[in-house]
């Protein structure tokens, strides 16, 4: 019997499509067009925050499939506190991007996220 050794430095977490995840479980965003700008207002407004487009029971899937964006504090607050138009747009955009990026059809999308946003 060999004595196997686990080398944490050589262990890479990946999602089911081979996208490498960071130590917090985030795949690279497939939505960020310019990583140094707020993806809502398109301005540089201090430190940007990550916003997972799908939250609740789908938050981990947002992280795993790269369905997150960088936003400024002001826009992040607007998304979470009443501007439903922004949230709706982000969900539609994320679904389109994921279906294109991963080659999914609507049925596969619904399997993962349970609802069609288009």
C-alpha atoms as a PDB file:
ATOM      1  CA  UNK A   1       0.000   0.000   0.000  1.00  0.00           C
ATOM      2  CA  UNK A   2       1.422   3.386  -1.001  1.00  0.00           C
ATOM      3  CA  UNK A   3       1.291   6.359   1.237  1.00  0.00           C
ATOM      4  CA  UNK A   4      -0.527   9.009  -0.858  1.00  0.00           C
ATOM      5  CA  UNK A   5       0.107  12.613  -0.027  1.00  0.00           C
ATOM      6  CA  UNK A   6      -2.351  15.408  -0.715  1.00  0.00           C
ATOM      7  CA  UNK A   7      -0.633  18.520  -2.074  1.00  0.00           C
ATOM      8  CA  UNK A   8      -2.972  21.492  -1.576  1.00  0.00           C
ATOM      9  CA  UNK A   9      -0.890  23.697  -3.915  1.00  0.00           C
ATOM     10  CA  UNK A  10      -1.560  21.357  -6.819  1.00  0.00           C
ATOM     11  CA  UNK A  11      -5.309  21.032  -6.155  1.00  0.00           C
ATOM     12  CA  UNK A  12      -7.473  23.212  -8.412  1.00  0.00           C
ATOM     13  CA  UNK A  13     -11.204  23.549  -7.970  1.00  0.00           C
ATOM     14  CA  UNK A  14     -13.112  23.623 -11.261  1.00  0.00           C
ATOM     15  CA  UNK A  15     -16.766  23.717 -12.198  1.00  0.00           C
ATOM     16  CA  UNK A  16     -18.359  21.027 -14.339  1.00  0.00           C
ATOM     17  CA  UNK A  17     -17.256  22.893 -17.491  1.00  0.00           C
ATOM     18  CA  UNK A  18     -13.597  23.078 -16.529  1.00  0.00           C
ATOM     19  CA  UNK A  19     -13.632  26.744 -15.454  1.00  0.00           C
ATOM     20  CA  UNK A  20     -11.133  27.218 -12.643  1.00  0.00           C
ATOM     21  CA  UNK A  21     -12.632  28.525  -9.393  1.00  0.00           C
ATOM     22  CA  UNK A  22     -10.835  30.825  -6.983  1.00  0.00           C
ATOM     23  CA  UNK A  23     -10.462  29.944  -3.306  1.00  0.00           C
ATOM     24  CA  UNK A  24     -13.932  31.419  -2.616  1.00  0.00           C
ATOM     25  CA  UNK A  25     -15.603  29.282  -5.275  1.00  0.00           C
ATOM     26  CA  UNK A  26     -15.902  31.977  -7.972  1.00  0.00           C
ATOM     27  CA  UNK A  27     -15.413  31.147 -11.633  1.00  0.00           C
ATOM     28  CA  UNK A  28     -14.192  34.053 -13.761  1.00  0.00           C
ATOM     29  CA  UNK A  29     -17.127  36.313 -14.580  1.00  0.00           C
ATOM     30  CA  UNK A  30     -18.638  35.801 -18.019  1.00  0.00           C
ATOM     31  CA  UNK A  31     -20.512  39.112 -17.566  1.00  0.00           C
ATOM     32  CA  UNK A  32     -17.825  41.669 -16.661  1.00  0.00           C
ATOM     33  CA  UNK A  33     -16.997  43.597 -19.797  1.00  0.00           C
ATOM     34  CA  UNK A  34     -14.522  45.959 -18.127  1.00  0.00           C
ATOM     35  CA  UNK A  35     -13.385  44.651 -14.758  1.00  0.00           C
ATOM     36  CA  UNK A  36     -12.320  48.087 -13.483  1.00  0.00           C
ATOM     37  CA  UNK A  37     -15.738  49.736 -14.090  1.00  0.00           C
ATOM     38  CA  UNK A  38     -19.093  49.359 -12.367  1.00  0.00           C
ATOM     39  CA  UNK A  39     -21.096  47.161 -14.746  1.00  0.00           C
ATOM     40  CA  UNK A  40     -24.280  49.145 -14.060  1.00  0.00           C
ATOM     41  CA  UNK A  41     -23.266  52.823 -14.230  1.00  0.00           C
ATOM     42  CA  UNK A  42     -19.977  52.271 -16.158  1.00  0.00           C
ATOM     43  CA  UNK A  43     -18.039  54.571 -13.803  1.00  0.00           C
ATOM     44  CA  UNK A  44     -15.074  54.111 -11.515  1.00  0.00           C
ATOM     45  CA  UNK A  45     -16.638  54.734  -8.122  1.00  0.00           C
ATOM     46  CA  UNK A  46     -14.245  53.664  -5.377  1.00  0.00           C
ATOM     47  CA  UNK A  47     -13.836  50.020  -4.492  1.00  0.00           C
ATOM     48  CA  UNK A  48     -15.985  47.722  -6.597  1.00  0.00           C
ATOM     49  CA  UNK A  49     -18.027  44.951  -4.991  1.00  0.00           C
ATOM     50  CA  UNK A  50     -18.993  41.564  -6.387  1.00  0.00           C
ATOM     51  CA  UNK A  51     -22.680  41.088  -7.012  1.00  0.00           C
ATOM     52  CA  UNK A  52     -23.950  37.573  -7.667  1.00  0.00           C
ATOM     53  CA  UNK A  53     -26.776  38.015 -10.188  1.00  0.00           C
ATOM     54  CA  UNK A  54     -28.742  35.120  -8.719  1.00  0.00           C
ATOM     55  CA  UNK A  55     -29.017  34.972  -4.963  1.00  0.00           C
ATOM     56  CA  UNK A  56     -30.727  32.811  -2.376  1.00  0.00           C
ATOM     57  CA  UNK A  57     -30.566  29.151  -3.291  1.00  0.00           C
ATOM     58  CA  UNK A  58     -28.898  30.038  -6.624  1.00  0.00           C
ATOM     59  CA  UNK A  59     -26.045  32.121  -5.182  1.00  0.00           C
ATOM     60  CA  UNK A  60     -23.511  29.279  -5.290  1.00  0.00           C
ATOM     61  CA  UNK A  61     -24.462  28.593  -8.914  1.00  0.00           C
ATOM     62  CA  UNK A  62     -23.899  32.272  -9.750  1.00  0.00           C
ATOM     63  CA  UNK A  63     -20.403  31.936  -8.330  1.00  0.00           C
ATOM     64  CA  UNK A  64     -19.685  28.571  -9.949  1.00  0.00           C
ATOM     65  CA  UNK A  65     -20.822  29.623 -13.434  1.00  0.00           C
ATOM     66  CA  UNK A  66     -19.324  33.135 -13.412  1.00  0.00           C
ATOM     67  CA  UNK A  67     -22.672  34.914 -13.218  1.00  0.00           C
ATOM     68  CA  UNK A  68     -21.470  37.831 -11.136  1.00  0.00           C
ATOM     69  CA  UNK A  69     -20.502  41.421 -11.864  1.00  0.00           C
ATOM     70  CA  UNK A  70     -18.443  44.191 -10.326  1.00  0.00           C
ATOM     71  CA  UNK A  71     -20.556  47.105  -9.110  1.00  0.00           C
ATOM     72  CA  UNK A  72     -19.972  50.287  -7.144  1.00  0.00           C
ATOM     73  CA  UNK A  73     -21.501  50.598  -3.686  1.00  0.00           C
ATOM     74  CA  UNK A  74     -24.248  52.932  -4.902  1.00  0.00           C
ATOM     75  CA  UNK A  75     -25.418  50.583  -7.676  1.00  0.00           C
ATOM     76  CA  UNK A  76     -25.123  47.550  -5.401  1.00  0.00           C
ATOM     77  CA  UNK A  77     -27.425  49.283  -2.943  1.00  0.00           C
ATOM     78  CA  UNK A  78     -29.888  50.119  -5.749  1.00  0.00           C
ATOM     79  CA  UNK A  79     -29.939  46.511  -6.967  1.00  0.00           C
ATOM     80  CA  UNK A  80     -30.717  45.123  -3.509  1.00  0.00           C
ATOM     81  CA  UNK A  81     -33.075  47.861  -2.360  1.00  0.00           C
ATOM     82  CA  UNK A  82     -35.808  48.359  -4.836  1.00  0.00           C
ATOM     83  CA  UNK A  83     -34.622  48.953  -8.393  1.00  0.00           C
ATOM     84  CA  UNK A  84     -36.264  45.887  -9.881  1.00  0.00           C
ATOM     85  CA  UNK A  85     -35.517  47.021 -13.437  1.00  0.00           C
ATOM     86  CA  UNK A  86     -31.774  46.628 -12.921  1.00  0.00           C
ATOM     87  CA  UNK A  87     -32.187  43.215 -11.278  1.00  0.00           C
ATOM     88  CA  UNK A  88     -34.483  42.016 -14.077  1.00  0.00           C
ATOM     89  CA  UNK A  89     -32.053  43.222 -16.757  1.00  0.00           C
ATOM     90  CA  UNK A  90     -29.089  41.563 -15.023  1.00  0.00           C
ATOM     91  CA  UNK A  91     -30.927  38.233 -14.794  1.00  0.00           C
ATOM     92  CA  UNK A  92     -31.916  38.360 -18.470  1.00  0.00           C
ATOM     93  CA  UNK A  93     -28.378  39.279 -19.508  1.00  0.00           C
ATOM     94  CA  UNK A  94     -26.884  36.553 -17.310  1.00  0.00           C
ATOM     95  CA  UNK A  95     -29.178  33.895 -18.757  1.00  0.00           C
ATOM     96  CA  UNK A  96     -28.316  34.897 -22.334  1.00  0.00           C
ATOM     97  CA  UNK A  97     -24.594  34.943 -21.547  1.00  0.00           C
ATOM     98  CA  UNK A  98     -24.653  31.565 -19.772  1.00  0.00           C
ATOM     99  CA  UNK A  99     -26.661  29.892 -22.520  1.00  0.00           C
ATOM    100  CA  UNK A 100     -24.211  31.171 -25.120  1.00  0.00           C
ATOM    101  CA  UNK A 101     -21.026  30.580 -23.096  1.00  0.00           C
ATOM    102  CA  UNK A 102     -21.897  27.044 -21.978  1.00  0.00           C
ATOM    103  CA  UNK A 103     -23.956  26.030 -25.026  1.00  0.00           C
ATOM    104  CA  UNK A 104     -27.126  25.528 -22.994  1.00  0.00           C
ATOM    105  CA  UNK A 105     -30.679  25.510 -24.240  1.00  0.00           C
ATOM    106  CA  UNK A 106     -33.642  26.670 -22.133  1.00  0.00           C
ATOM    107  CA  UNK A 107     -34.141  23.219 -20.602  1.00  0.00           C
ATOM    108  CA  UNK A 108     -30.594  23.040 -19.293  1.00  0.00           C
ATOM    109  CA  UNK A 109     -30.934  26.605 -17.962  1.00  0.00           C
ATOM    110  CA  UNK A 110     -34.122  25.655 -16.108  1.00  0.00           C
ATOM    111  CA  UNK A 111     -32.440  22.542 -14.722  1.00  0.00           C
ATOM    112  CA  UNK A 112     -29.833  24.710 -13.017  1.00  0.00           C
ATOM    113  CA  UNK A 113     -31.816  27.852 -12.168  1.00  0.00           C
ATOM    114  CA  UNK A 114     -35.455  26.706 -12.176  1.00  0.00           C
ATOM    115  CA  UNK A 115     -36.868  29.685 -14.054  1.00  0.00           C
ATOM    116  CA  UNK A 116     -36.630  31.258 -17.502  1.00  0.00           C
ATOM    117  CA  UNK A 117     -35.870  35.006 -17.282  1.00  0.00           C
ATOM    118  CA  UNK A 118     -36.151  35.727 -21.015  1.00  0.00           C
END
